[in-house]
Amino acid sequence: MGTKAQLTLTGRQRDEAGQETVIKSSFPADYYERDGSSCILYEEQSEDSGSVTRNAIKLKGSVLEMTRRGEIHSRMVFEAGQSHLTDYVTPYGTLRLEVLTETLELSRRSGGLDAALKYTLRLDGQFLSDCTLTLSINLLP
């Protein structure tokens, strides 16, 4: 069984026109450590449809992997200086995204960990947005 935790995610996306969108969310989560990896499991509920999406964030070395399963399916891999392709499956169709990670910073602390990502999303080879994502996991007593 994992350790109960509180996960806070803050995402920023800037599109080609310079329009910035910021989303900040907080979720109860389960935190696991195994074989040098950290894993964070949490669920989110869609405000529109009420459906539940199960999410997993895995941190190992200098790689962060985010997997979503539910109404939206995706597996995004973030590795500084690397590009990874992913299928982002939605109820409206599948998007073939390229994730080009510029930086990935991870810091462990007593009581949790923090990560910061800077990356670019491309759709069919065309620029979609520049993004940042910060996550903070706080272990609960």
C-alpha atoms as a PDB file:
ATOM      1  CA  MET A   1       0.000   0.000   0.000  1.00  0.00           C
ATOM      2  CA  GLY A   2       1.237   3.486  -0.829  1.00  0.00           C
ATOM      3  CA  THR A   3       1.647   6.547   1.327  1.00  0.00           C
ATOM      4  CA  LYS A   4      -1.230   9.026   1.223  1.00  0.00           C
ATOM      5  CA  ALA A   5      -0.216  12.341  -0.300  1.00  0.00           C
ATOM      6  CA  GLN A   6      -1.468  15.600  -1.772  1.00  0.00           C
ATOM      7  CA  LEU A   7      -0.481  16.340  -5.381  1.00  0.00           C
ATOM      8  CA  THR A   8      -0.508  19.868  -6.806  1.00  0.00           C
ATOM      9  CA  LEU A   9      -0.070  20.374 -10.558  1.00  0.00           C
ATOM     10  CA  THR A  10       0.369  23.744 -12.267  1.00  0.00           C
ATOM     11  CA  GLY A  11       0.457  23.765 -16.048  1.00  0.00           C
ATOM     12  CA  ARG A  12       1.064  26.700 -18.384  1.00  0.00           C
ATOM     13  CA  GLN A  13       0.627  26.618 -22.147  1.00  0.00           C
ATOM     14  CA  ARG A  14       1.552  29.443 -24.536  1.00  0.00           C
ATOM     15  CA  ASP A  15       0.280  29.102 -28.098  1.00  0.00           C
ATOM     16  CA  GLU A  16       1.647  30.528 -31.335  1.00  0.00           C
ATOM     17  CA  ALA A  17      -0.244  33.812 -30.801  1.00  0.00           C
ATOM     18  CA  GLY A  18       1.258  34.218 -27.311  1.00  0.00           C
ATOM     19  CA  GLN A  19      -2.008  33.401 -25.532  1.00  0.00           C
ATOM     20  CA  GLU A  20      -1.235  31.782 -22.172  1.00  0.00           C
ATOM     21  CA  THR A  21      -3.486  29.338 -20.341  1.00  0.00           C
ATOM     22  CA  VAL A  22      -2.780  28.396 -16.724  1.00  0.00           C
ATOM     23  CA  ILE A  23      -4.387  25.436 -14.960  1.00  0.00           C
ATOM     24  CA  LYS A  24      -3.743  24.615 -11.312  1.00  0.00           C
ATOM     25  CA  SER A  25      -5.210  21.486  -9.743  1.00  0.00           C
ATOM     26  CA  SER A  26      -4.789  19.582  -6.516  1.00  0.00           C
ATOM     27  CA  PHE A  27      -5.622  15.912  -5.925  1.00  0.00           C
ATOM     28  CA  PRO A  28      -5.384  13.321  -3.166  1.00  0.00           C
ATOM     29  CA  ALA A  29      -2.843  10.748  -4.307  1.00  0.00           C
ATOM     30  CA  ASP A  30      -1.009   7.567  -3.388  1.00  0.00           C
ATOM     31  CA  TYR A  31       2.796   7.701  -3.452  1.00  0.00           C
ATOM     32  CA  TYR A  32       5.060   4.667  -3.895  1.00  0.00           C
ATOM     33  CA  GLU A  33       8.816   4.151  -4.059  1.00  0.00           C
ATOM     34  CA  ARG A  34      10.204   0.971  -5.571  1.00  0.00           C
ATOM     35  CA  ASP A  35      13.485  -0.006  -7.252  1.00  0.00           C
ATOM     36  CA  GLY A  36      14.723   3.590  -7.513  1.00  0.00           C
ATOM     37  CA  SER A  37      11.431   4.822  -8.997  1.00  0.00           C
ATOM     38  CA  SER A  38       8.771   7.062  -7.518  1.00  0.00           C
ATOM     39  CA  CYS A  39       5.159   6.569  -8.581  1.00  0.00           C
ATOM     40  CA  ILE A  40       2.194   8.854  -7.949  1.00  0.00           C
ATOM     41  CA  LEU A  41      -1.331   7.560  -8.584  1.00  0.00           C
ATOM     42  CA  TYR A  42      -4.394   9.810  -8.614  1.00  0.00           C
ATOM     43  CA  GLU A  43      -7.818  10.196 -10.192  1.00  0.00           C
ATOM     44  CA  GLU A  44      -9.562  13.175 -11.694  1.00  0.00           C
ATOM     45  CA  GLN A  45     -13.192  13.607 -12.610  1.00  0.00           C
ATOM     46  CA  SER A  46     -14.325  15.460 -15.723  1.00  0.00           C
ATOM     47  CA  GLU A  47     -16.567  18.425 -14.955  1.00  0.00           C
ATOM     48  CA  ASP A  48     -18.324  17.944 -18.307  1.00  0.00           C
ATOM     49  CA  SER A  49     -19.057  14.225 -18.414  1.00  0.00           C
ATOM     50  CA  GLY A  50     -18.411  13.129 -14.823  1.00  0.00           C
ATOM     51  CA  SER A  51     -16.132  10.352 -16.082  1.00  0.00           C
ATOM     52  CA  VAL A  52     -13.088   9.380 -14.037  1.00  0.00           C
ATOM     53  CA  THR A  53      -9.563   9.339 -15.473  1.00  0.00           C
ATOM     54  CA  ARG A  54      -6.881   7.332 -13.671  1.00  0.00           C
ATOM     55  CA  ASN A  55      -3.443   8.907 -13.797  1.00  0.00           C
ATOM     56  CA  ALA A  56       0.041   7.675 -12.982  1.00  0.00           C
ATOM     57  CA  ILE A  57       3.240   9.712 -12.809  1.00  0.00           C
ATOM     58  CA  LYS A  58       6.448   7.706 -12.730  1.00  0.00           C
ATOM     59  CA  LEU A  59       9.825   9.268 -11.972  1.00  0.00           C
ATOM     60  CA  LYS A  60      12.978   7.285 -12.581  1.00  0.00           C
ATOM     61  CA  GLY A  61      16.379   8.885 -12.929  1.00  0.00           C
ATOM     62  CA  SER A  62      16.031  11.793 -15.344  1.00  0.00           C
ATOM     63  CA  VAL A  63      12.761  10.592 -16.932  1.00  0.00           C
ATOM     64  CA  LEU A  64       9.198  11.501 -15.982  1.00  0.00           C
ATOM     65  CA  GLU A  65       6.342   9.501 -17.508  1.00  0.00           C
ATOM     66  CA  MET A  66       2.667  10.487 -17.271  1.00  0.00           C
ATOM     67  CA  THR A  67      -0.024   7.947 -18.157  1.00  0.00           C
ATOM     68  CA  ARG A  68      -3.749   8.707 -18.335  1.00  0.00           C
ATOM     69  CA  ARG A  69      -6.489   6.094 -18.668  1.00  0.00           C
ATOM     70  CA  GLY A  70     -10.143   6.939 -19.005  1.00  0.00           C
ATOM     71  CA  GLU A  71     -12.062   9.151 -21.402  1.00  0.00           C
ATOM     72  CA  ILE A  72      -8.610  10.395 -22.469  1.00  0.00           C
ATOM     73  CA  HIS A  73      -5.752   7.912 -22.977  1.00  0.00           C
ATOM     74  CA  SER A  74      -2.147   8.997 -23.268  1.00  0.00           C
ATOM     75  CA  ARG A  75       1.392   8.160 -22.261  1.00  0.00           C
ATOM     76  CA  MET A  76       3.708  11.159 -22.320  1.00  0.00           C
ATOM     77  CA  VAL A  77       7.445  10.758 -21.701  1.00  0.00           C
ATOM     78  CA  PHE A  78       9.567  13.721 -20.612  1.00  0.00           C
ATOM     79  CA  GLU A  79      13.356  13.478 -20.841  1.00  0.00           C
ATOM     80  CA  ALA A  80      15.530  16.609 -21.073  1.00  0.00           C
ATOM     81  CA  GLY A  81      16.894  17.151 -24.578  1.00  0.00           C
ATOM     82  CA  GLN A  82      14.785  14.315 -26.027  1.00  0.00           C
ATOM     83  CA  SER A  83      11.716  14.110 -28.225  1.00  0.00           C
ATOM     84  CA  HIS A  84       9.030  11.432 -27.748  1.00  0.00           C
ATOM     85  CA  LEU A  85       5.939  10.703 -29.846  1.00  0.00           C
ATOM     86  CA  THR A  86       2.615   9.813 -28.269  1.00  0.00           C
ATOM     87  CA  ASP A  87      -0.962   9.158 -29.297  1.00  0.00           C
ATOM     88  CA  TYR A  88      -3.330  11.379 -27.326  1.00  0.00           C
ATOM     89  CA  VAL A  89      -6.676   9.591 -27.565  1.00  0.00           C
ATOM     90  CA  THR A  90      -9.830  11.646 -26.908  1.00  0.00           C
ATOM     91  CA  PRO A  91     -13.538  10.902 -27.444  1.00  0.00           C
ATOM     92  CA  TYR A  92     -13.255  13.118 -30.549  1.00  0.00           C
ATOM     93  CA  GLY A  93     -10.298  11.333 -32.142  1.00  0.00           C
ATOM     94  CA  THR A  94      -6.619  10.584 -31.788  1.00  0.00           C
ATOM     95  CA  LEU A  95      -3.917  13.246 -31.957  1.00  0.00           C
ATOM     96  CA  ARG A  96      -0.313  12.296 -32.745  1.00  0.00           C
ATOM     97  CA  LEU A  97       1.751  14.573 -30.494  1.00  0.00           C
ATOM     98  CA  GLU A  98       5.476  15.119 -30.259  1.00  0.00           C
ATOM     99  CA  VAL A  99       6.770  16.091 -26.821  1.00  0.00           C
ATOM    100  CA  LEU A 100      10.152  17.852 -26.942  1.00  0.00           C
ATOM    101  CA  THR A 101      11.436  18.300 -23.385  1.00  0.00           C
ATOM    102  CA  GLU A 102      13.809  21.199 -22.847  1.00  0.00           C
ATOM    103  CA  THR A 103      14.362  20.840 -19.093  1.00  0.00           C
ATOM    104  CA  LEU A 104      13.344  18.478 -16.306  1.00  0.00           C
ATOM    105  CA  GLU A 105      14.308  19.324 -12.739  1.00  0.00           C
ATOM    106  CA  LEU A 106      13.545  16.994  -9.861  1.00  0.00           C
ATOM    107  CA  SER A 107      14.189  17.653  -6.194  1.00  0.00           C
ATOM    108  CA  ARG A 108      13.453  15.275  -3.365  1.00  0.00           C
ATOM    109  CA  ARG A 109      12.840  16.631   0.115  1.00  0.00           C
ATOM    110  CA  SER A 110      11.741  15.244   3.427  1.00  0.00           C
ATOM    111  CA  GLY A 111       7.991  14.955   3.167  1.00  0.00           C
ATOM    112  CA  GLY A 112       7.787  14.844  -0.616  1.00  0.00           C
ATOM    113  CA  LEU A 113       9.235  15.908  -3.921  1.00  0.00           C
ATOM    114  CA  ASP A 114       8.975  18.628  -6.555  1.00  0.00           C
ATOM    115  CA  ALA A 115       9.434  18.525 -10.317  1.00  0.00           C
ATOM    116  CA  ALA A 116       9.503  21.226 -12.985  1.00  0.00           C
ATOM    117  CA  LEU A 117       9.266  20.601 -16.737  1.00  0.00           C
ATOM    118  CA  LYS A 118       9.655  22.872 -19.725  1.00  0.00           C
ATOM    119  CA  TYR A 119       8.606  21.377 -23.066  1.00  0.00           C
ATOM    120  CA  THR A 120       7.145  22.028 -26.504  1.00  0.00           C
ATOM    121  CA  LEU A 121       4.170  20.230 -28.026  1.00  0.00           C
ATOM    122  CA  ARG A 122       3.924  19.654 -31.765  1.00  0.00           C
ATOM    123  CA  LEU A 123       0.945  18.245 -33.655  1.00  0.00           C
ATOM    124  CA  ASP A 124       1.749  16.522 -36.947  1.00  0.00           C
ATOM    125  CA  GLY A 125       5.132  18.296 -36.961  1.00  0.00           C
ATOM    126  CA  GLN A 126       3.604  21.755 -36.448  1.00  0.00           C
ATOM    127  CA  PHE A 127       4.141  23.901 -33.339  1.00  0.00           C
ATOM    128  CA  LEU A 128       1.212  23.661 -30.934  1.00  0.00           C
ATOM    129  CA  SER A 129       2.437  25.265 -27.684  1.00  0.00           C
ATOM    130  CA  ASP A 130       5.307  25.916 -25.314  1.00  0.00           C
ATOM    131  CA  CYS A 131       4.510  24.455 -21.911  1.00  0.00           C
ATOM    132  CA  THR A 132       5.673  24.298 -18.337  1.00  0.00           C
ATOM    133  CA  LEU A 133       4.463  21.876 -15.689  1.00  0.00           C
ATOM    134  CA  THR A 134       5.299  21.951 -12.018  1.00  0.00           C
ATOM    135  CA  LEU A 135       4.260  19.242  -9.641  1.00  0.00           C
ATOM    136  CA  SER A 136       4.573  19.065  -5.920  1.00  0.00           C
ATOM    137  CA  ILE A 137       3.848  15.945  -3.881  1.00  0.00           C
ATOM    138  CA  ASN A 138       3.422  16.367  -0.137  1.00  0.00           C
ATOM    139  CA  LEU A 139       3.283  13.174   1.922  1.00  0.00           C
ATOM    140  CA  LEU A 140       0.572  13.158   4.571  1.00  0.00           C
ATOM    141  CA  PRO A 141       1.192  11.984   8.138  1.00  0.00           C
END
